[in-house]
Amino acid sequence: RNLAIFCIALFSLGEWLALPGALNGWLALAAAAAVFNLLNDWHIGRALLERWALMLYSVYWLMALGYAALGVALLFGEISTSAGRHLLTVGAMGVSILAVLCIAGRTHSGYALDTRRWVPVATLSLVLAALLRAGSGLPGMPAQAMILLAGLGWLGAFILACRYLGPVWLRPRPDGGLGCEEPLDEHTAGSGCRT
């Protein structure tokens, strides 16, 4: 984990200092390799297939693929750096934000985690949006259609989040808790899943 943080920081510094493309390319590939190595910690069997673990696992995959795409683009120039940047922003950052909204947003509002299907649908929508947007720059691809579908996927994911999380945030906590406390009453907290 520390190596991944170091490599990502080094690549970010190289970008900020506008170091030569080849050097930044190797730094991006080092960041990708370090993040891919982090994925080894996640291979724990069936527990990985649980929605919350899988959601967070996809963040690391999108990060690793994003840095790998940036590295290849900077070293070989065959693809645009846009592909890697979209995997990092639309994908990794988008799924991370959605995860925080779904996990912390509900529990700090006094509700248990939401077990309805919209959560994996929204997550998958963001992952597909990132992959479509990244792939739109490849030669021979229908770029405009892929960009449109990626935009609709991103928009759809956060519309679902607003639809199902907005009411939770706008009403009083069902357990009488204050601020960012965890749900105080499991029975009351669980009732939020049916709203």
N, C-alpha and C. Protein backbone atom coordinates (compact mmCIF):
# COMPACT_ATOMS: atom_id res chain seq x y z
N ARG A 1 0.84 -1.19 0.00
CA ARG A 1 0.00 0.00 0.00
C ARG A 1 0.88 1.26 0.00
N ASN A 2 1.93 1.26 0.82
CA ASN A 2 2.82 2.43 0.86
C ASN A 2 3.54 2.63 -0.47
N LEU A 3 3.91 1.52 -1.11
CA LEU A 3 4.56 1.63 -2.41
C LEU A 3 3.59 2.21 -3.44
N ALA A 4 2.33 1.78 -3.40
CA ALA A 4 1.33 2.31 -4.34
C ALA A 4 1.15 3.82 -4.11
N ILE A 5 1.05 4.21 -2.86
CA ILE A 5 0.89 5.64 -2.55
C ILE A 5 2.11 6.42 -3.05
N PHE A 6 3.30 5.87 -2.82
CA PHE A 6 4.53 6.53 -3.26
C PHE A 6 4.57 6.67 -4.77
N CYS A 7 4.24 5.60 -5.49
CA CYS A 7 4.28 5.64 -6.96
C CYS A 7 3.24 6.60 -7.52
N ILE A 8 2.05 6.61 -6.95
CA ILE A 8 1.01 7.53 -7.41
C ILE A 8 1.44 8.97 -7.15
N ALA A 9 2.00 9.22 -5.96
CA ALA A 9 2.47 10.57 -5.63
C ALA A 9 3.60 10.99 -6.57
N LEU A 10 4.50 10.08 -6.86
CA LEU A 10 5.61 10.39 -7.76
C LEU A 10 5.11 10.70 -9.17
N PHE A 11 4.16 9.90 -9.66
CA PHE A 11 3.59 10.17 -10.98
C PHE A 11 2.88 11.53 -10.98
N SER A 12 2.10 11.82 -9.94
CA SER A 12 1.37 13.09 -9.85
C SER A 12 2.34 14.27 -9.83
N LEU A 13 3.45 14.13 -9.10
CA LEU A 13 4.47 15.17 -9.07
C LEU A 13 5.09 15.34 -10.45
N GLY A 14 5.37 14.23 -11.12
CA GLY A 14 5.91 14.29 -12.47
C GLY A 14 4.97 15.00 -13.43
N GLU A 15 3.67 14.75 -13.30
CA GLU A 15 2.68 15.44 -14.13
C GLU A 15 2.69 16.94 -13.83
N TRP A 16 2.74 17.27 -12.55
CA TRP A 16 2.70 18.68 -12.15
C TRP A 16 3.95 19.42 -12.63
N LEU A 17 5.08 18.73 -12.58
CA LEU A 17 6.33 19.35 -13.02
C LEU A 17 6.53 19.26 -14.54
N ALA A 18 5.59 18.60 -15.22
CA ALA A 18 5.66 18.40 -16.68
C ALA A 18 6.97 17.75 -17.09
N LEU A 19 7.30 16.65 -16.41
CA LEU A 19 8.49 15.89 -16.77
C LEU A 19 8.31 15.28 -18.15
N PRO A 20 9.38 14.87 -18.80
CA PRO A 20 9.25 14.26 -20.13
C PRO A 20 8.27 13.10 -20.13
N GLY A 21 7.54 12.96 -21.24
CA GLY A 21 6.48 11.95 -21.35
C GLY A 21 6.95 10.54 -21.05
N ALA A 22 8.12 10.15 -21.53
CA ALA A 22 8.60 8.79 -21.30
C ALA A 22 8.82 8.52 -19.81
N LEU A 23 9.38 9.48 -19.10
CA LEU A 23 9.60 9.31 -17.67
C LEU A 23 8.27 9.17 -16.94
N ASN A 24 7.32 10.05 -17.27
CA ASN A 24 6.00 9.95 -16.65
C ASN A 24 5.31 8.65 -17.03
N GLY A 25 5.56 8.16 -18.24
CA GLY A 25 4.99 6.89 -18.65
C GLY A 25 5.46 5.75 -17.77
N TRP A 26 6.76 5.71 -17.48
CA TRP A 26 7.28 4.66 -16.61
C TRP A 26 6.75 4.83 -15.18
N LEU A 27 6.61 6.07 -14.73
CA LEU A 27 6.05 6.30 -13.39
C LEU A 27 4.60 5.83 -13.33
N ALA A 28 3.84 6.07 -14.40
CA ALA A 28 2.44 5.62 -14.45
C ALA A 28 2.37 4.09 -14.43
N LEU A 29 3.26 3.44 -15.17
CA LEU A 29 3.28 1.98 -15.16
C LEU A 29 3.68 1.43 -13.79
N ALA A 30 4.59 2.13 -13.11
CA ALA A 30 4.96 1.71 -11.75
C ALA A 30 3.76 1.84 -10.82
N ALA A 31 3.00 2.92 -10.96
CA ALA A 31 1.79 3.10 -10.15
C ALA A 31 0.78 1.99 -10.45
N ALA A 32 0.62 1.67 -11.73
CA ALA A 32 -0.31 0.59 -12.11
C ALA A 32 0.12 -0.74 -11.49
N ALA A 33 1.41 -1.06 -11.58
CA ALA A 33 1.92 -2.32 -11.03
C ALA A 33 1.71 -2.37 -9.51
N ALA A 34 1.95 -1.26 -8.84
CA ALA A 34 1.77 -1.23 -7.39
C ALA A 34 0.30 -1.41 -7.01
N VAL A 35 -0.61 -0.80 -7.76
CA VAL A 35 -2.04 -0.95 -7.46
C VAL A 35 -2.50 -2.36 -7.80
N PHE A 36 -2.02 -2.92 -8.92
CA PHE A 36 -2.35 -4.31 -9.23
C PHE A 36 -1.88 -5.23 -8.10
N ASN A 37 -0.72 -4.94 -7.52
CA ASN A 37 -0.22 -5.75 -6.41
C ASN A 37 -1.14 -5.64 -5.19
N LEU A 38 -1.72 -4.46 -4.97
CA LEU A 38 -2.68 -4.30 -3.86
C LEU A 38 -3.87 -5.23 -4.00
N LEU A 39 -4.24 -5.54 -5.24
CA LEU A 39 -5.40 -6.41 -5.46
C LEU A 39 -5.19 -7.79 -4.87
N ASN A 40 -3.93 -8.21 -4.66
CA ASN A 40 -3.67 -9.51 -4.04
C ASN A 40 -4.29 -9.60 -2.65
N ASP A 41 -4.38 -8.47 -1.95
CA ASP A 41 -4.96 -8.47 -0.61
C ASP A 41 -6.46 -8.74 -0.64
N TRP A 42 -7.08 -8.56 -1.78
CA TRP A 42 -8.54 -8.67 -1.90
C TRP A 42 -8.99 -10.08 -2.27
N HIS A 43 -8.10 -10.94 -2.67
CA HIS A 43 -8.49 -12.26 -3.14
C HIS A 43 -8.73 -13.18 -1.95
N ILE A 44 -9.92 -13.07 -1.39
CA ILE A 44 -10.25 -13.79 -0.15
C ILE A 44 -11.39 -14.77 -0.35
N GLY A 45 -11.67 -15.15 -1.58
CA GLY A 45 -12.71 -16.13 -1.84
C GLY A 45 -14.07 -15.49 -2.06
N ARG A 46 -15.10 -16.20 -1.61
CA ARG A 46 -16.48 -15.78 -1.88
C ARG A 46 -16.84 -14.44 -1.26
N ALA A 47 -16.19 -14.08 -0.18
CA ALA A 47 -16.50 -12.79 0.47
C ALA A 47 -16.28 -11.62 -0.48
N LEU A 48 -15.40 -11.79 -1.45
CA LEU A 48 -15.14 -10.74 -2.43
C LEU A 48 -16.35 -10.46 -3.29
N LEU A 49 -17.23 -11.44 -3.44
CA LEU A 49 -18.40 -11.27 -4.29
C LEU A 49 -19.55 -10.54 -3.59
N GLU A 50 -19.38 -10.20 -2.33
CA GLU A 50 -20.38 -9.41 -1.61
C GLU A 50 -20.37 -8.00 -2.19
N ARG A 51 -21.53 -7.39 -2.32
CA ARG A 51 -21.67 -6.13 -3.06
C ARG A 51 -20.73 -5.02 -2.58
N TRP A 52 -20.54 -4.86 -1.30
CA TRP A 52 -19.72 -3.73 -0.83
C TRP A 52 -18.25 -3.99 -1.10
N ALA A 53 -17.80 -5.22 -0.89
CA ALA A 53 -16.40 -5.56 -1.18
C ALA A 53 -16.13 -5.45 -2.68
N LEU A 54 -17.03 -5.96 -3.49
CA LEU A 54 -16.86 -5.92 -4.94
C LEU A 54 -16.86 -4.50 -5.47
N MET A 55 -17.68 -3.65 -4.87
CA MET A 55 -17.73 -2.24 -5.26
C MET A 55 -16.37 -1.58 -5.03
N LEU A 56 -15.80 -1.81 -3.85
CA LEU A 56 -14.51 -1.21 -3.52
C LEU A 56 -13.36 -1.87 -4.30
N TYR A 57 -13.48 -3.15 -4.56
CA TYR A 57 -12.50 -3.88 -5.36
C TYR A 57 -12.42 -3.29 -6.77
N SER A 58 -13.57 -2.93 -7.33
CA SER A 58 -13.58 -2.36 -8.68
C SER A 58 -12.84 -1.02 -8.74
N VAL A 59 -12.80 -0.30 -7.62
CA VAL A 59 -12.06 0.97 -7.58
C VAL A 59 -10.58 0.72 -7.86
N TYR A 60 -10.01 -0.30 -7.21
CA TYR A 60 -8.59 -0.60 -7.41
C TYR A 60 -8.32 -1.06 -8.85
N TRP A 61 -9.22 -1.86 -9.41
CA TRP A 61 -9.06 -2.29 -10.80
C TRP A 61 -9.06 -1.09 -11.74
N LEU A 62 -10.00 -0.18 -11.53
CA LEU A 62 -10.08 1.00 -12.40
C LEU A 62 -8.86 1.91 -12.23
N MET A 63 -8.36 2.01 -11.01
CA MET A 63 -7.13 2.78 -10.79
C MET A 63 -5.95 2.16 -11.53
N ALA A 64 -5.79 0.85 -11.36
CA ALA A 64 -4.67 0.17 -12.00
C ALA A 64 -4.76 0.28 -13.52
N LEU A 65 -5.94 0.05 -14.07
CA LEU A 65 -6.12 0.16 -15.52
C LEU A 65 -5.90 1.60 -16.00
N GLY A 66 -6.33 2.56 -15.20
CA GLY A 66 -6.13 3.96 -15.57
C GLY A 66 -4.66 4.34 -15.64
N TYR A 67 -3.90 3.96 -14.63
CA TYR A 67 -2.46 4.26 -14.65
C TYR A 67 -1.75 3.48 -15.75
N ALA A 68 -2.19 2.23 -15.99
CA ALA A 68 -1.59 1.44 -17.07
C ALA A 68 -1.85 2.10 -18.42
N ALA A 69 -3.07 2.56 -18.65
CA ALA A 69 -3.41 3.23 -19.91
C ALA A 69 -2.63 4.52 -20.06
N LEU A 70 -2.46 5.26 -18.97
CA LEU A 70 -1.65 6.48 -19.03
C LEU A 70 -0.20 6.15 -19.39
N GLY A 71 0.34 5.12 -18.77
CA GLY A 71 1.72 4.72 -19.05
C GLY A 71 1.93 4.34 -20.50
N VAL A 72 1.02 3.52 -21.02
CA VAL A 72 1.13 3.09 -22.42
C VAL A 72 1.00 4.29 -23.35
N ALA A 73 0.07 5.18 -23.05
CA ALA A 73 -0.12 6.36 -23.89
C ALA A 73 1.11 7.26 -23.88
N LEU A 74 1.69 7.47 -22.72
CA LEU A 74 2.85 8.36 -22.63
C LEU A 74 4.11 7.74 -23.23
N LEU A 75 4.22 6.43 -23.17
CA LEU A 75 5.41 5.77 -23.72
C LEU A 75 5.34 5.52 -25.22
N PHE A 76 4.16 5.13 -25.68
CA PHE A 76 4.07 4.71 -27.07
C PHE A 76 3.22 5.61 -27.95
N GLY A 77 2.37 6.43 -27.36
CA GLY A 77 1.57 7.37 -28.13
C GLY A 77 0.51 6.75 -29.02
N GLU A 78 0.26 5.45 -28.85
CA GLU A 78 -0.74 4.76 -29.69
C GLU A 78 -2.16 5.18 -29.31
N ILE A 79 -2.37 5.46 -28.03
CA ILE A 79 -3.68 5.88 -27.56
C ILE A 79 -3.52 7.21 -26.85
N SER A 80 -4.63 7.89 -26.66
CA SER A 80 -4.61 9.18 -25.97
C SER A 80 -4.54 8.96 -24.46
N THR A 81 -3.95 9.91 -23.76
CA THR A 81 -3.94 9.84 -22.29
C THR A 81 -5.35 10.00 -21.73
N SER A 82 -6.27 10.46 -22.54
CA SER A 82 -7.65 10.63 -22.12
C SER A 82 -8.25 9.33 -21.60
N ALA A 83 -7.88 8.20 -22.21
CA ALA A 83 -8.42 6.91 -21.77
C ALA A 83 -8.07 6.65 -20.31
N GLY A 84 -6.81 6.81 -19.96
CA GLY A 84 -6.39 6.59 -18.58
C GLY A 84 -7.01 7.57 -17.61
N ARG A 85 -7.10 8.82 -18.03
CA ARG A 85 -7.68 9.83 -17.15
C ARG A 85 -9.16 9.56 -16.88
N HIS A 86 -9.88 9.06 -17.88
CA HIS A 86 -11.28 8.76 -17.67
C HIS A 86 -11.48 7.50 -16.82
N LEU A 87 -10.58 6.54 -16.94
CA LEU A 87 -10.66 5.38 -16.06
C LEU A 87 -10.44 5.80 -14.60
N LEU A 88 -9.55 6.77 -14.41
CA LEU A 88 -9.27 7.25 -13.05
C LEU A 88 -10.39 8.14 -12.50
N THR A 89 -10.96 9.00 -13.34
CA THR A 89 -11.95 9.96 -12.85
C THR A 89 -13.37 9.41 -12.89
N VAL A 90 -13.86 9.10 -14.08
CA VAL A 90 -15.22 8.57 -14.20
C VAL A 90 -15.32 7.24 -13.46
N GLY A 91 -14.28 6.40 -13.60
CA GLY A 91 -14.31 5.08 -13.00
C GLY A 91 -13.95 5.05 -11.54
N ALA A 92 -12.65 5.14 -11.24
CA ALA A 92 -12.19 4.97 -9.86
C ALA A 92 -12.77 6.03 -8.93
N MET A 93 -12.69 7.29 -9.33
CA MET A 93 -13.21 8.35 -8.47
C MET A 93 -14.73 8.28 -8.38
N GLY A 94 -15.39 8.02 -9.51
CA GLY A 94 -16.84 7.95 -9.51
C GLY A 94 -17.37 6.84 -8.62
N VAL A 95 -16.79 5.65 -8.73
CA VAL A 95 -17.24 4.52 -7.89
C VAL A 95 -16.89 4.78 -6.42
N SER A 96 -15.74 5.41 -6.16
CA SER A 96 -15.38 5.75 -4.77
C SER A 96 -16.40 6.69 -4.16
N ILE A 97 -16.78 7.70 -4.90
CA ILE A 97 -17.77 8.67 -4.40
C ILE A 97 -19.11 7.97 -4.16
N LEU A 98 -19.52 7.14 -5.11
CA LEU A 98 -20.77 6.40 -4.94
C LEU A 98 -20.71 5.51 -3.70
N ALA A 99 -19.58 4.86 -3.47
CA ALA A 99 -19.44 3.99 -2.30
C ALA A 99 -19.58 4.79 -1.01
N VAL A 100 -18.95 5.94 -0.96
CA VAL A 100 -19.06 6.78 0.25
C VAL A 100 -20.50 7.22 0.46
N LEU A 101 -21.18 7.62 -0.61
CA LEU A 101 -22.57 8.03 -0.49
C LEU A 101 -23.44 6.89 0.03
N CYS A 102 -23.21 5.69 -0.52
CA CYS A 102 -24.04 4.53 -0.16
C CYS A 102 -23.74 3.99 1.23
N ILE A 103 -22.49 4.01 1.62
CA ILE A 103 -22.11 3.41 2.91
C ILE A 103 -22.18 4.45 4.02
N ALA A 104 -21.35 5.47 3.96
CA ALA A 104 -21.32 6.47 5.02
C ALA A 104 -22.57 7.34 4.99
N GLY A 105 -23.05 7.65 3.79
CA GLY A 105 -24.24 8.50 3.68
C GLY A 105 -25.45 7.92 4.37
N ARG A 106 -25.64 6.61 4.27
CA ARG A 106 -26.79 5.98 4.94
C ARG A 106 -26.54 5.77 6.42
N THR A 107 -25.36 5.21 6.78
CA THR A 107 -25.14 4.90 8.19
C THR A 107 -25.08 6.17 9.04
N HIS A 108 -24.53 7.24 8.50
CA HIS A 108 -24.47 8.49 9.27
C HIS A 108 -25.81 9.21 9.29
N SER A 109 -26.77 8.69 8.53
CA SER A 109 -28.13 9.23 8.57
C SER A 109 -29.04 8.37 9.43
N GLY A 110 -28.46 7.33 10.07
CA GLY A 110 -29.22 6.49 10.98
C GLY A 110 -29.86 5.28 10.32
N TYR A 111 -29.45 4.94 9.11
CA TYR A 111 -30.03 3.81 8.39
C TYR A 111 -28.99 2.72 8.17
N ALA A 112 -29.48 1.49 8.07
CA ALA A 112 -28.61 0.37 7.72
C ALA A 112 -28.26 0.47 6.24
N LEU A 113 -27.28 -0.32 5.81
CA LEU A 113 -26.89 -0.33 4.40
C LEU A 113 -28.06 -0.78 3.54
N ASP A 114 -28.16 -0.21 2.37
CA ASP A 114 -29.25 -0.49 1.44
C ASP A 114 -28.94 -1.77 0.67
N THR A 115 -29.84 -2.74 0.74
CA THR A 115 -29.61 -4.02 0.07
C THR A 115 -30.37 -4.16 -1.24
N ARG A 116 -30.98 -3.08 -1.70
CA ARG A 116 -31.73 -3.16 -2.95
C ARG A 116 -30.81 -3.19 -4.15
N ARG A 117 -31.37 -3.55 -5.30
CA ARG A 117 -30.59 -3.76 -6.52
C ARG A 117 -30.02 -2.50 -7.12
N TRP A 118 -30.50 -1.34 -6.76
CA TRP A 118 -30.03 -0.13 -7.41
C TRP A 118 -28.54 0.11 -7.16
N VAL A 119 -28.01 -0.35 -6.03
CA VAL A 119 -26.60 -0.11 -5.71
C VAL A 119 -25.67 -0.82 -6.71
N PRO A 120 -25.83 -2.15 -6.93
CA PRO A 120 -24.96 -2.77 -7.93
C PRO A 120 -25.24 -2.27 -9.35
N VAL A 121 -26.49 -1.90 -9.64
CA VAL A 121 -26.81 -1.36 -10.97
C VAL A 121 -26.08 -0.04 -11.18
N ALA A 122 -26.10 0.83 -10.19
CA ALA A 122 -25.42 2.13 -10.30
C ALA A 122 -23.90 1.93 -10.41
N THR A 123 -23.36 1.00 -9.64
CA THR A 123 -21.93 0.73 -9.69
C THR A 123 -21.53 0.21 -11.06
N LEU A 124 -22.26 -0.76 -11.56
CA LEU A 124 -21.98 -1.32 -12.88
C LEU A 124 -22.11 -0.25 -13.96
N SER A 125 -23.07 0.62 -13.80
CA SER A 125 -23.27 1.71 -14.75
C SER A 125 -22.04 2.63 -14.81
N LEU A 126 -21.46 2.92 -13.65
CA LEU A 126 -20.25 3.76 -13.61
C LEU A 126 -19.05 3.04 -14.20
N VAL A 127 -18.90 1.76 -13.90
CA VAL A 127 -17.78 1.00 -14.45
C VAL A 127 -17.88 0.94 -15.97
N LEU A 128 -19.08 0.65 -16.47
CA LEU A 128 -19.27 0.59 -17.93
C LEU A 128 -19.06 1.96 -18.57
N ALA A 129 -19.52 3.01 -17.89
CA ALA A 129 -19.32 4.37 -18.41
C ALA A 129 -17.83 4.67 -18.55
N ALA A 130 -17.05 4.29 -17.55
CA ALA A 130 -15.61 4.53 -17.59
C ALA A 130 -14.96 3.74 -18.73
N LEU A 131 -15.35 2.48 -18.88
CA LEU A 131 -14.77 1.64 -19.93
C LEU A 131 -15.16 2.14 -21.32
N LEU A 132 -16.42 2.55 -21.47
CA LEU A 132 -16.87 3.09 -22.75
C LEU A 132 -16.12 4.37 -23.09
N ARG A 133 -16.00 5.25 -22.11
CA ARG A 133 -15.33 6.53 -22.37
C ARG A 133 -13.86 6.32 -22.68
N ALA A 134 -13.23 5.40 -21.96
CA ALA A 134 -11.82 5.11 -22.22
C ALA A 134 -11.64 4.47 -23.59
N GLY A 135 -12.54 3.59 -23.97
CA GLY A 135 -12.44 2.90 -25.25
C GLY A 135 -12.83 3.74 -26.45
N SER A 136 -13.48 4.86 -26.21
CA SER A 136 -13.96 5.68 -27.32
C SER A 136 -12.82 6.28 -28.15
N GLY A 137 -11.64 6.35 -27.58
CA GLY A 137 -10.50 6.92 -28.30
C GLY A 137 -9.71 5.91 -29.11
N LEU A 138 -10.08 4.64 -29.01
CA LEU A 138 -9.36 3.61 -29.76
C LEU A 138 -9.71 3.70 -31.24
N PRO A 139 -8.76 3.38 -32.10
CA PRO A 139 -9.02 3.45 -33.54
C PRO A 139 -10.17 2.54 -33.97
N GLY A 140 -11.02 3.07 -34.84
CA GLY A 140 -12.12 2.30 -35.39
C GLY A 140 -13.35 2.20 -34.52
N MET A 141 -13.34 2.83 -33.36
CA MET A 141 -14.48 2.76 -32.46
C MET A 141 -15.47 3.88 -32.78
N PRO A 142 -16.78 3.65 -32.58
CA PRO A 142 -17.78 4.71 -32.79
C PRO A 142 -17.73 5.70 -31.62
N ALA A 143 -16.79 6.62 -31.68
CA ALA A 143 -16.48 7.50 -30.55
C ALA A 143 -17.69 8.26 -30.03
N GLN A 144 -18.44 8.90 -30.91
CA GLN A 144 -19.56 9.73 -30.44
C GLN A 144 -20.60 8.90 -29.70
N ALA A 145 -20.94 7.73 -30.24
CA ALA A 145 -21.93 6.86 -29.58
C ALA A 145 -21.41 6.39 -28.23
N MET A 146 -20.13 6.03 -28.16
CA MET A 146 -19.56 5.56 -26.91
C MET A 146 -19.51 6.66 -25.86
N ILE A 147 -19.18 7.87 -26.28
CA ILE A 147 -19.15 9.01 -25.35
C ILE A 147 -20.55 9.30 -24.84
N LEU A 148 -21.54 9.25 -25.73
CA LEU A 148 -22.93 9.48 -25.33
C LEU A 148 -23.38 8.42 -24.33
N LEU A 149 -23.11 7.16 -24.61
CA LEU A 149 -23.49 6.08 -23.70
C LEU A 149 -22.77 6.20 -22.36
N ALA A 150 -21.49 6.60 -22.41
CA ALA A 150 -20.74 6.79 -21.16
C ALA A 150 -21.36 7.90 -20.32
N GLY A 151 -21.73 9.00 -20.96
CA GLY A 151 -22.37 10.10 -20.25
C GLY A 151 -23.69 9.70 -19.63
N LEU A 152 -24.48 8.93 -20.40
CA LEU A 152 -25.77 8.46 -19.88
C LEU A 152 -25.58 7.49 -18.72
N GLY A 153 -24.56 6.65 -18.81
CA GLY A 153 -24.27 5.72 -17.71
C GLY A 153 -23.88 6.44 -16.44
N TRP A 154 -23.02 7.44 -16.57
CA TRP A 154 -22.59 8.23 -15.41
C TRP A 154 -23.79 8.96 -14.80
N LEU A 155 -24.56 9.59 -15.68
CA LEU A 155 -25.73 10.33 -15.22
C LEU A 155 -26.73 9.41 -14.55
N GLY A 156 -26.98 8.25 -15.16
CA GLY A 156 -27.93 7.29 -14.59
C GLY A 156 -27.52 6.82 -13.20
N ALA A 157 -26.24 6.58 -13.00
CA ALA A 157 -25.76 6.11 -11.69
C ALA A 157 -26.05 7.14 -10.61
N PHE A 158 -25.79 8.40 -10.89
CA PHE A 158 -25.99 9.42 -9.86
C PHE A 158 -27.44 9.86 -9.75
N ILE A 159 -28.24 9.65 -10.78
CA ILE A 159 -29.69 9.85 -10.65
C ILE A 159 -30.26 8.80 -9.69
N LEU A 160 -29.81 7.55 -9.85
CA LEU A 160 -30.23 6.51 -8.91
C LEU A 160 -29.83 6.86 -7.48
N ALA A 161 -28.61 7.35 -7.31
CA ALA A 161 -28.15 7.73 -5.96
C ALA A 161 -29.03 8.84 -5.39
N CYS A 162 -29.34 9.84 -6.19
CA CYS A 162 -30.21 10.93 -5.71
C CYS A 162 -31.60 10.41 -5.38
N ARG A 163 -32.11 9.53 -6.21
CA ARG A 163 -33.46 8.99 -6.01
C ARG A 163 -33.56 8.21 -4.69
N TYR A 164 -32.57 7.37 -4.42
CA TYR A 164 -32.67 6.50 -3.25
C TYR A 164 -31.98 7.04 -2.00
N LEU A 165 -31.03 7.94 -2.16
CA LEU A 165 -30.34 8.49 -0.99
C LEU A 165 -30.87 9.85 -0.59
N GLY A 166 -31.35 10.62 -1.56
CA GLY A 166 -31.87 11.96 -1.26
C GLY A 166 -32.91 11.97 -0.15
N PRO A 167 -33.95 11.12 -0.24
CA PRO A 167 -34.96 11.12 0.83
C PRO A 167 -34.39 10.77 2.20
N VAL A 168 -33.40 9.89 2.22
CA VAL A 168 -32.76 9.50 3.49
C VAL A 168 -32.08 10.71 4.12
N TRP A 169 -31.42 11.51 3.31
CA TRP A 169 -30.68 12.66 3.83
C TRP A 169 -31.59 13.84 4.19
N LEU A 170 -32.76 13.90 3.59
CA LEU A 170 -33.63 15.06 3.80
C LEU A 170 -34.59 14.90 4.96
N ARG A 171 -34.76 13.70 5.48
CA ARG A 171 -35.69 13.51 6.59
C ARG A 171 -34.91 13.33 7.89
N PRO A 172 -35.58 13.50 9.01
CA PRO A 172 -34.90 13.29 10.30
C PRO A 172 -34.45 11.85 10.46
N ARG A 173 -33.42 11.67 11.26
CA ARG A 173 -32.92 10.31 11.53
C ARG A 173 -34.01 9.51 12.23
N PRO A 174 -34.22 8.26 11.83
CA PRO A 174 -35.27 7.45 12.45
C PRO A 174 -34.92 6.97 13.85
N ASP A 175 -33.65 7.03 14.21
CA ASP A 175 -33.21 6.50 15.51
C ASP A 175 -32.97 7.59 16.54
N GLY A 176 -33.21 8.83 16.16
CA GLY A 176 -33.01 9.93 17.09
C GLY A 176 -31.56 10.31 17.31
N GLY A 177 -30.64 9.72 16.55
CA GLY A 177 -29.22 10.02 16.69
C GLY A 177 -28.89 11.41 16.19
N LEU A 178 -27.71 11.85 16.51
CA LEU A 178 -27.27 13.18 16.12
C LEU A 178 -26.01 13.09 15.26
N GLY A 179 -25.87 14.02 14.37
CA GLY A 179 -24.64 14.13 13.59
C GLY A 179 -24.31 12.88 12.82
N CYS A 180 -23.06 12.47 12.92
CA CYS A 180 -22.56 11.34 12.12
C CYS A 180 -22.50 10.04 12.91
N GLU A 181 -23.32 9.89 13.93
CA GLU A 181 -23.34 8.64 14.69
C GLU A 181 -23.80 7.50 13.79
N GLU A 182 -23.34 6.29 14.12
CA GLU A 182 -23.85 5.09 13.45
C GLU A 182 -25.31 4.92 13.84
N PRO A 183 -26.07 4.06 13.13
CA PRO A 183 -27.45 3.82 13.55
C PRO A 183 -27.50 3.34 15.00
N LEU A 184 -28.37 3.96 15.81
CA LEU A 184 -28.46 3.61 17.23
C LEU A 184 -29.32 2.40 17.47
N ASP A 185 -30.35 2.23 16.66
CA ASP A 185 -31.29 1.13 16.84
C ASP A 185 -31.33 0.32 15.55
N GLU A 186 -30.83 -0.92 15.61
CA GLU A 186 -30.75 -1.73 14.38
C GLU A 186 -32.12 -1.97 13.76
N HIS A 187 -33.14 -2.15 14.56
CA HIS A 187 -34.48 -2.41 14.02
C HIS A 187 -34.98 -1.19 13.26
N THR A 188 -34.85 0.00 13.85
CA THR A 188 -35.28 1.23 13.19
C THR A 188 -34.40 1.50 11.97
N ALA A 189 -33.11 1.28 12.12
CA ALA A 189 -32.19 1.56 11.02
C ALA A 189 -32.49 0.70 9.82
N GLY A 190 -32.82 -0.55 10.06
CA GLY A 190 -33.11 -1.45 8.95
C GLY A 190 -34.37 -1.07 8.20
N SER A 191 -35.28 -0.33 8.85
CA SER A 191 -36.52 0.02 8.17
C SER A 191 -36.28 0.95 7.00
N GLY A 192 -35.13 1.61 6.98
CA GLY A 192 -34.82 2.50 5.87
C GLY A 192 -34.64 1.78 4.55
N CYS A 193 -34.39 0.48 4.58
CA CYS A 193 -34.18 -0.29 3.36
C CYS A 193 -35.45 -0.46 2.57
N ARG A 194 -36.61 -0.26 3.20
CA ARG A 194 -37.85 -0.47 2.50
C ARG A 194 -38.45 0.83 1.98
N THR A 195 -37.80 1.95 2.23
CA THR A 195 -38.38 3.23 1.80
C THR A 195 -38.12 3.49 0.35
